[in-house]
Amino acid sequence: MATVVLVGTLDTKGAEYGWLRELLRGGGVEVLVVDTGVIGAPHFAADVPREEVARAAGADLAALRAGGDRGAAVTAMARGAAEVVARLHEAGRLHCVMAIGGSGGISIATRAMRGLPLGVPKLMVSSMAAGDVSPYVGYADITMMYSVVDIAGINTISAPVLAKAADAAVGMAKGFAAAGRRALRPADLAGGERPLVRA
């Protein structure tokens, strides 16, 4: 079965991630949730808890929490999320990675997305999509979807936006899995008559 990996802060966006998880499951995919929250209690138990994400970054969650430095915590959890997501991809347990949130949440999630090879479906839903997304996307093939409103609860605007995003993630994951697609590497594209140039 195709698997969508959700990467997000289950303390500040737990209700929204829980709702999104059910939408994705209803679309016929498996869902794995990676919790990147630090301060508040998670709204539900993640498949990959925040302690494991911190350890993957070589950090200690309690120390990050006690330090009170949001920047340091975001950097550490982004590093850990990238490691966790890469492992899931290598294990064949990721057919699409998706995240929702504001600037903090997407800085963590898109760090993980940028570490995945070209061709692996990546979907980010955020109010930040209305502005300059180059710091989040870099040179990766991340699909950015504008959330229209801040992601702060499920309401008459966020519900249809997230529902469309879930449909997109389900389609990308199933397509990637069913076609036996794999990530593209430069060697896959080379060997033709024309040389390949990478920026």
C-alpha atoms as a PDB file:
ATOM      1  CA  MET A   1       0.000   0.000   0.000  1.00  0.00           C
ATOM      2  CA  ALA A   2       1.178   3.528  -0.785  1.00  0.00           C
ATOM      3  CA  THR A   3       2.327   5.502   2.239  1.00  0.00           C
ATOM      4  CA  VAL A   4       2.127   9.236   2.917  1.00  0.00           C
ATOM      5  CA  VAL A   5       4.499  10.525   5.591  1.00  0.00           C
ATOM      6  CA  LEU A   6       3.241  13.564   7.505  1.00  0.00           C
ATOM      7  CA  VAL A   7       5.899  15.735   9.128  1.00  0.00           C
ATOM      8  CA  GLY A   8       4.657  18.274  11.644  1.00  0.00           C
ATOM      9  CA  THR A   9       4.436  19.776  15.096  1.00  0.00           C
ATOM     10  CA  LEU A  10       1.761  17.840  16.950  1.00  0.00           C
ATOM     11  CA  ASP A  11       1.690  20.338  19.812  1.00  0.00           C
ATOM     12  CA  THR A  12       0.696  23.432  17.826  1.00  0.00           C
ATOM     13  CA  LYS A  13      -0.890  21.747  14.767  1.00  0.00           C
ATOM     14  CA  GLY A  14      -1.976  18.415  16.246  1.00  0.00           C
ATOM     15  CA  ALA A  15      -5.695  18.849  15.664  1.00  0.00           C
ATOM     16  CA  GLU A  16      -5.117  19.759  12.020  1.00  0.00           C
ATOM     17  CA  TYR A  17      -2.708  16.855  11.479  1.00  0.00           C
ATOM     18  CA  GLY A  18      -5.144  14.435  13.081  1.00  0.00           C
ATOM     19  CA  TRP A  19      -7.920  15.605  10.773  1.00  0.00           C
ATOM     20  CA  LEU A  20      -5.612  15.403   7.753  1.00  0.00           C
ATOM     21  CA  ARG A  21      -4.477  11.901   8.719  1.00  0.00           C
ATOM     22  CA  GLU A  22      -8.073  10.674   8.621  1.00  0.00           C
ATOM     23  CA  LEU A  23      -8.642  12.271   5.210  1.00  0.00           C
ATOM     24  CA  LEU A  24      -5.567  10.520   3.839  1.00  0.00           C
ATOM     25  CA  ARG A  25      -6.566   7.174   5.309  1.00  0.00           C
ATOM     26  CA  GLY A  26      -9.990   7.622   3.752  1.00  0.00           C
ATOM     27  CA  GLY A  27      -8.221   7.989   0.412  1.00  0.00           C
ATOM     28  CA  GLY A  28      -6.784   4.507   0.778  1.00  0.00           C
ATOM     29  CA  VAL A  29      -3.191   5.171   1.798  1.00  0.00           C
ATOM     30  CA  GLU A  30      -1.191   4.279   4.871  1.00  0.00           C
ATOM     31  CA  VAL A  31      -0.121   7.283   6.938  1.00  0.00           C
ATOM     32  CA  LEU A  32       3.006   7.618   9.078  1.00  0.00           C
ATOM     33  CA  VAL A  33       3.223  10.690  11.305  1.00  0.00           C
ATOM     34  CA  VAL A  34       6.558  12.205  12.350  1.00  0.00           C
ATOM     35  CA  ASP A  35       6.253  14.595  15.307  1.00  0.00           C
ATOM     36  CA  THR A  36       8.650  17.558  15.247  1.00  0.00           C
ATOM     37  CA  GLY A  37       7.092  19.486  18.137  1.00  0.00           C
ATOM     38  CA  VAL A  38       9.163  20.450  21.162  1.00  0.00           C
ATOM     39  CA  ILE A  39       7.256  22.401  23.809  1.00  0.00           C
ATOM     40  CA  GLY A  40       3.619  21.388  24.272  1.00  0.00           C
ATOM     41  CA  ALA A  41       2.153  17.912  24.601  1.00  0.00           C
ATOM     42  CA  PRO A  42       1.270  16.196  21.307  1.00  0.00           C
ATOM     43  CA  HIS A  43      -2.427  15.947  20.473  1.00  0.00           C
ATOM     44  CA  PHE A  44      -1.992  12.279  19.573  1.00  0.00           C
ATOM     45  CA  ALA A  45       0.753   9.651  19.524  1.00  0.00           C
ATOM     46  CA  ALA A  46       2.960   9.839  16.456  1.00  0.00           C
ATOM     47  CA  ASP A  47       4.405   6.863  14.608  1.00  0.00           C
ATOM     48  CA  VAL A  48       7.799   8.529  15.012  1.00  0.00           C
ATOM     49  CA  PRO A  49       7.740  10.478  18.312  1.00  0.00           C
ATOM     50  CA  ARG A  50       9.569  13.741  18.854  1.00  0.00           C
ATOM     51  CA  GLU A  51      12.143  12.109  21.128  1.00  0.00           C
ATOM     52  CA  GLU A  52      13.236   9.879  18.253  1.00  0.00           C
ATOM     53  CA  VAL A  53      13.441  12.854  15.895  1.00  0.00           C
ATOM     54  CA  ALA A  54      15.665  14.721  18.361  1.00  0.00           C
ATOM     55  CA  ARG A  55      17.904  11.662  18.797  1.00  0.00           C
ATOM     56  CA  ALA A  56      18.265  11.371  15.016  1.00  0.00           C
ATOM     57  CA  ALA A  57      19.756  14.879  15.124  1.00  0.00           C
ATOM     58  CA  GLY A  58      22.126  13.931  17.938  1.00  0.00           C
ATOM     59  CA  ALA A  59      20.137  16.087  20.359  1.00  0.00           C
ATOM     60  CA  ASP A  60      18.169  15.557  23.550  1.00  0.00           C
ATOM     61  CA  LEU A  61      14.549  16.712  23.562  1.00  0.00           C
ATOM     62  CA  ALA A  62      14.560  17.666  27.244  1.00  0.00           C
ATOM     63  CA  ALA A  63      17.682  19.779  26.721  1.00  0.00           C
ATOM     64  CA  LEU A  64      16.144  21.513  23.699  1.00  0.00           C
ATOM     65  CA  ARG A  65      13.038  22.268  25.737  1.00  0.00           C
ATOM     66  CA  ALA A  66      15.011  23.517  28.731  1.00  0.00           C
ATOM     67  CA  GLY A  67      17.243  25.695  26.558  1.00  0.00           C
ATOM     68  CA  GLY A  68      14.328  27.918  25.565  1.00  0.00           C
ATOM     69  CA  ASP A  69      15.983  28.751  22.244  1.00  0.00           C
ATOM     70  CA  ARG A  70      13.362  28.367  19.493  1.00  0.00           C
ATOM     71  CA  GLY A  71      15.913  28.768  16.716  1.00  0.00           C
ATOM     72  CA  ALA A  72      18.148  26.030  18.091  1.00  0.00           C
ATOM     73  CA  ALA A  73      15.173  23.730  18.607  1.00  0.00           C
ATOM     74  CA  VAL A  74      13.872  24.279  15.064  1.00  0.00           C
ATOM     75  CA  THR A  75      17.341  23.658  13.615  1.00  0.00           C
ATOM     76  CA  ALA A  76      17.799  20.444  15.579  1.00  0.00           C
ATOM     77  CA  MET A  77      14.348  19.079  14.799  1.00  0.00           C
ATOM     78  CA  ALA A  78      14.795  19.926  11.104  1.00  0.00           C
ATOM     79  CA  ARG A  79      18.048  17.990  11.066  1.00  0.00           C
ATOM     80  CA  GLY A  80      16.414  15.052  12.840  1.00  0.00           C
ATOM     81  CA  ALA A  81      13.348  15.079  10.592  1.00  0.00           C
ATOM     82  CA  ALA A  82      15.582  14.998   7.522  1.00  0.00           C
ATOM     83  CA  GLU A  83      17.352  11.925   8.885  1.00  0.00           C
ATOM     84  CA  VAL A  84      14.096  10.147   9.793  1.00  0.00           C
ATOM     85  CA  VAL A  85      12.469  10.890   6.435  1.00  0.00           C
ATOM     86  CA  ALA A  86      15.561   9.725   4.550  1.00  0.00           C
ATOM     87  CA  ARG A  87      15.505   6.441   6.470  1.00  0.00           C
ATOM     88  CA  LEU A  88      11.820   5.905   5.690  1.00  0.00           C
ATOM     89  CA  HIS A  89      12.481   6.545   2.008  1.00  0.00           C
ATOM     90  CA  GLU A  90      15.411   4.139   1.921  1.00  0.00           C
ATOM     91  CA  ALA A  91      13.261   1.497   3.645  1.00  0.00           C
ATOM     92  CA  GLY A  92      10.572   1.868   0.953  1.00  0.00           C
ATOM     93  CA  ARG A  93       8.063   3.216   3.460  1.00  0.00           C
ATOM     94  CA  LEU A  94       7.551   6.646   1.862  1.00  0.00           C
ATOM     95  CA  HIS A  95       5.702   7.348  -1.380  1.00  0.00           C
ATOM     96  CA  CYS A  96       4.868  10.987  -0.621  1.00  0.00           C
ATOM     97  CA  VAL A  97       5.887  13.369   2.151  1.00  0.00           C
ATOM     98  CA  MET A  98       3.472  16.117   3.194  1.00  0.00           C
ATOM     99  CA  ALA A  99       3.384  18.913   5.738  1.00  0.00           C
ATOM    100  CA  ILE A 100       1.219  21.866   6.713  1.00  0.00           C
ATOM    101  CA  GLY A 101       2.008  24.942   8.755  1.00  0.00           C
ATOM    102  CA  GLY A 102       3.537  28.385   9.056  1.00  0.00           C
ATOM    103  CA  SER A 103       7.132  29.516   8.786  1.00  0.00           C
ATOM    104  CA  GLY A 104       8.503  27.413  11.655  1.00  0.00           C
ATOM    105  CA  GLY A 105       6.762  24.218  10.698  1.00  0.00           C
ATOM    106  CA  ILE A 106       7.621  24.408   7.032  1.00  0.00           C
ATOM    107  CA  SER A 107      11.255  25.273   7.706  1.00  0.00           C
ATOM    108  CA  ILE A 108      11.515  21.946   9.528  1.00  0.00           C
ATOM    109  CA  ALA A 109       9.513  19.900   7.016  1.00  0.00           C
ATOM    110  CA  THR A 110      11.047  21.325   3.859  1.00  0.00           C
ATOM    111  CA  ARG A 111      14.539  20.634   5.211  1.00  0.00           C
ATOM    112  CA  ALA A 112      13.483  16.987   5.285  1.00  0.00           C
ATOM    113  CA  MET A 113      11.915  17.239   1.814  1.00  0.00           C
ATOM    114  CA  ARG A 114      15.007  18.819   0.282  1.00  0.00           C
ATOM    115  CA  GLY A 115      17.038  15.820   1.395  1.00  0.00           C
ATOM    116  CA  LEU A 116      14.971  13.438  -0.719  1.00  0.00           C
ATOM    117  CA  PRO A 117      15.921  12.651  -4.323  1.00  0.00           C
ATOM    118  CA  LEU A 118      14.247  14.190  -7.346  1.00  0.00           C
ATOM    119  CA  GLY A 119      10.978  12.480  -8.206  1.00  0.00           C
ATOM    120  CA  VAL A 120       9.835  11.588  -4.700  1.00  0.00           C
ATOM    121  CA  PRO A 121       6.494  13.421  -4.211  1.00  0.00           C
ATOM    122  CA  LYS A 122       6.725  16.312  -1.750  1.00  0.00           C
ATOM    123  CA  LEU A 123       3.771  18.548  -0.814  1.00  0.00           C
ATOM    124  CA  MET A 124       3.798  21.592   1.460  1.00  0.00           C
ATOM    125  CA  VAL A 125       0.636  23.525   2.376  1.00  0.00           C
ATOM    126  CA  SER A 126       1.280  26.914   3.949  1.00  0.00           C
ATOM    127  CA  SER A 127       0.340  30.568   4.053  1.00  0.00           C
ATOM    128  CA  MET A 128       4.014  31.183   3.245  1.00  0.00           C
ATOM    129  CA  ALA A 129       3.343  29.948  -0.309  1.00  0.00           C
ATOM    130  CA  ALA A 130       2.026  33.434  -1.151  1.00  0.00           C
ATOM    131  CA  GLY A 131       5.501  34.912  -0.754  1.00  0.00           C
ATOM    132  CA  ASP A 132       9.081  34.060  -1.662  1.00  0.00           C
ATOM    133  CA  VAL A 133       9.418  30.320  -1.104  1.00  0.00           C
ATOM    134  CA  SER A 134      13.005  29.988  -2.341  1.00  0.00           C
ATOM    135  CA  PRO A 135      14.441  29.562   1.198  1.00  0.00           C
ATOM    136  CA  TYR A 136      12.124  26.584   1.712  1.00  0.00           C
ATOM    137  CA  VAL A 137      12.250  24.989  -1.738  1.00  0.00           C
ATOM    138  CA  GLY A 138      15.843  25.588  -2.825  1.00  0.00           C
ATOM    139  CA  TYR A 139      16.484  23.347  -5.843  1.00  0.00           C
ATOM    140  CA  ALA A 140      14.069  20.609  -4.757  1.00  0.00           C
ATOM    141  CA  ASP A 141      10.893  19.544  -6.560  1.00  0.00           C
ATOM    142  CA  ILE A 142       8.605  20.557  -3.687  1.00  0.00           C
ATOM    143  CA  THR A 143       4.998  21.309  -4.578  1.00  0.00           C
ATOM    144  CA  MET A 144       3.819  24.381  -2.662  1.00  0.00           C
ATOM    145  CA  MET A 145       0.091  24.931  -2.078  1.00  0.00           C
ATOM    146  CA  TYR A 146      -1.272  28.169  -0.655  1.00  0.00           C
ATOM    147  CA  SER A 147      -3.422  27.599   2.426  1.00  0.00           C
ATOM    148  CA  VAL A 148      -5.349  30.900   1.881  1.00  0.00           C
ATOM    149  CA  VAL A 149      -5.627  31.339   5.682  1.00  0.00           C
ATOM    150  CA  ASP A 150      -3.274  30.584   8.534  1.00  0.00           C
ATOM    151  CA  ILE A 151      -3.512  26.947   9.500  1.00  0.00           C
ATOM    152  CA  ALA A 152      -5.129  27.419  12.897  1.00  0.00           C
ATOM    153  CA  GLY A 153      -7.989  24.989  13.231  1.00  0.00           C
ATOM    154  CA  ILE A 154     -10.358  23.428  10.743  1.00  0.00           C
ATOM    155  CA  ASN A 155     -12.841  25.943   9.371  1.00  0.00           C
ATOM    156  CA  THR A 156     -14.885  26.696   6.261  1.00  0.00           C
ATOM    157  CA  ILE A 157     -11.785  27.880   4.391  1.00  0.00           C
ATOM    158  CA  SER A 158      -9.061  25.556   5.652  1.00  0.00           C
ATOM    159  CA  ALA A 159     -11.212  22.412   5.359  1.00  0.00           C
ATOM    160  CA  PRO A 160     -11.628  22.436   1.552  1.00  0.00           C
ATOM    161  CA  VAL A 161      -8.022  23.555   1.038  1.00  0.00           C
ATOM    162  CA  LEU A 162      -6.658  20.709   3.149  1.00  0.00           C
ATOM    163  CA  ALA A 163      -9.086  18.263   1.545  1.00  0.00           C
ATOM    164  CA  LYS A 164      -7.725  19.168  -1.905  1.00  0.00           C
ATOM    165  CA  ALA A 165      -4.190  18.821  -0.592  1.00  0.00           C
ATOM    166  CA  ALA A 166      -4.999  15.381   0.818  1.00  0.00           C
ATOM    167  CA  ASP A 167      -6.437  14.325  -2.537  1.00  0.00           C
ATOM    168  CA  ALA A 168      -3.254  15.510  -4.239  1.00  0.00           C
ATOM    169  CA  ALA A 169      -1.028  13.626  -1.784  1.00  0.00           C
ATOM    170  CA  VAL A 170      -3.080  10.437  -2.182  1.00  0.00           C
ATOM    171  CA  GLY A 171      -2.838  10.677  -5.962  1.00  0.00           C
ATOM    172  CA  MET A 172       0.901  11.326  -5.945  1.00  0.00           C
ATOM    173  CA  ALA A 173       1.603   8.527  -3.470  1.00  0.00           C
ATOM    174  CA  LYS A 174      -0.514   5.965  -5.310  1.00  0.00           C
ATOM    175  CA  GLY A 175       0.937   6.954  -8.673  1.00  0.00           C
ATOM    176  CA  PHE A 176       4.493   6.782  -7.380  1.00  0.00           C
ATOM    177  CA  ALA A 177       3.901   3.367  -5.789  1.00  0.00           C
ATOM    178  CA  ALA A 178       1.758   1.755  -8.504  1.00  0.00           C
ATOM    179  CA  ALA A 179       4.024   2.672 -11.388  1.00  0.00           C
ATOM    180  CA  GLY A 180       7.028   1.282  -9.583  1.00  0.00           C
ATOM    181  CA  ARG A 181       8.606   4.676  -9.824  1.00  0.00           C
ATOM    182  CA  ARG A 182      11.742   5.474  -7.960  1.00  0.00           C
ATOM    183  CA  ALA A 183      13.687   8.609  -7.301  1.00  0.00           C
ATOM    184  CA  LEU A 184      15.654   9.928 -10.258  1.00  0.00           C
ATOM    185  CA  ARG A 185      19.379  10.367  -9.912  1.00  0.00           C
ATOM    186  CA  PRO A 186      21.744  12.070 -12.392  1.00  0.00           C
ATOM    187  CA  ALA A 187      22.915   8.645 -13.597  1.00  0.00           C
ATOM    188  CA  ASP A 188      19.340   7.820 -14.635  1.00  0.00           C
ATOM    189  CA  LEU A 189      19.222  10.832 -16.916  1.00  0.00           C
ATOM    190  CA  ALA A 190      22.748  10.656 -18.269  1.00  0.00           C
ATOM    191  CA  GLY A 191      23.932   8.453 -21.090  1.00  0.00           C
ATOM    192  CA  GLY A 192      21.909  10.085 -23.849  1.00  0.00           C
ATOM    193  CA  GLU A 193      23.235  12.092 -26.727  1.00  0.00           C
ATOM    194  CA  ARG A 194      23.166  15.336 -24.770  1.00  0.00           C
ATOM    195  CA  PRO A 195      25.143  16.105 -21.606  1.00  0.00           C
ATOM    196  CA  LEU A 196      23.330  16.855 -18.357  1.00  0.00           C
ATOM    197  CA  VAL A 197      24.072  20.147 -16.578  1.00  0.00           C
ATOM    198  CA  ARG A 198      23.079  20.631 -12.968  1.00  0.00           C
ATOM    199  CA  ALA A 199      22.934  24.045 -11.258  1.00  0.00           C
END
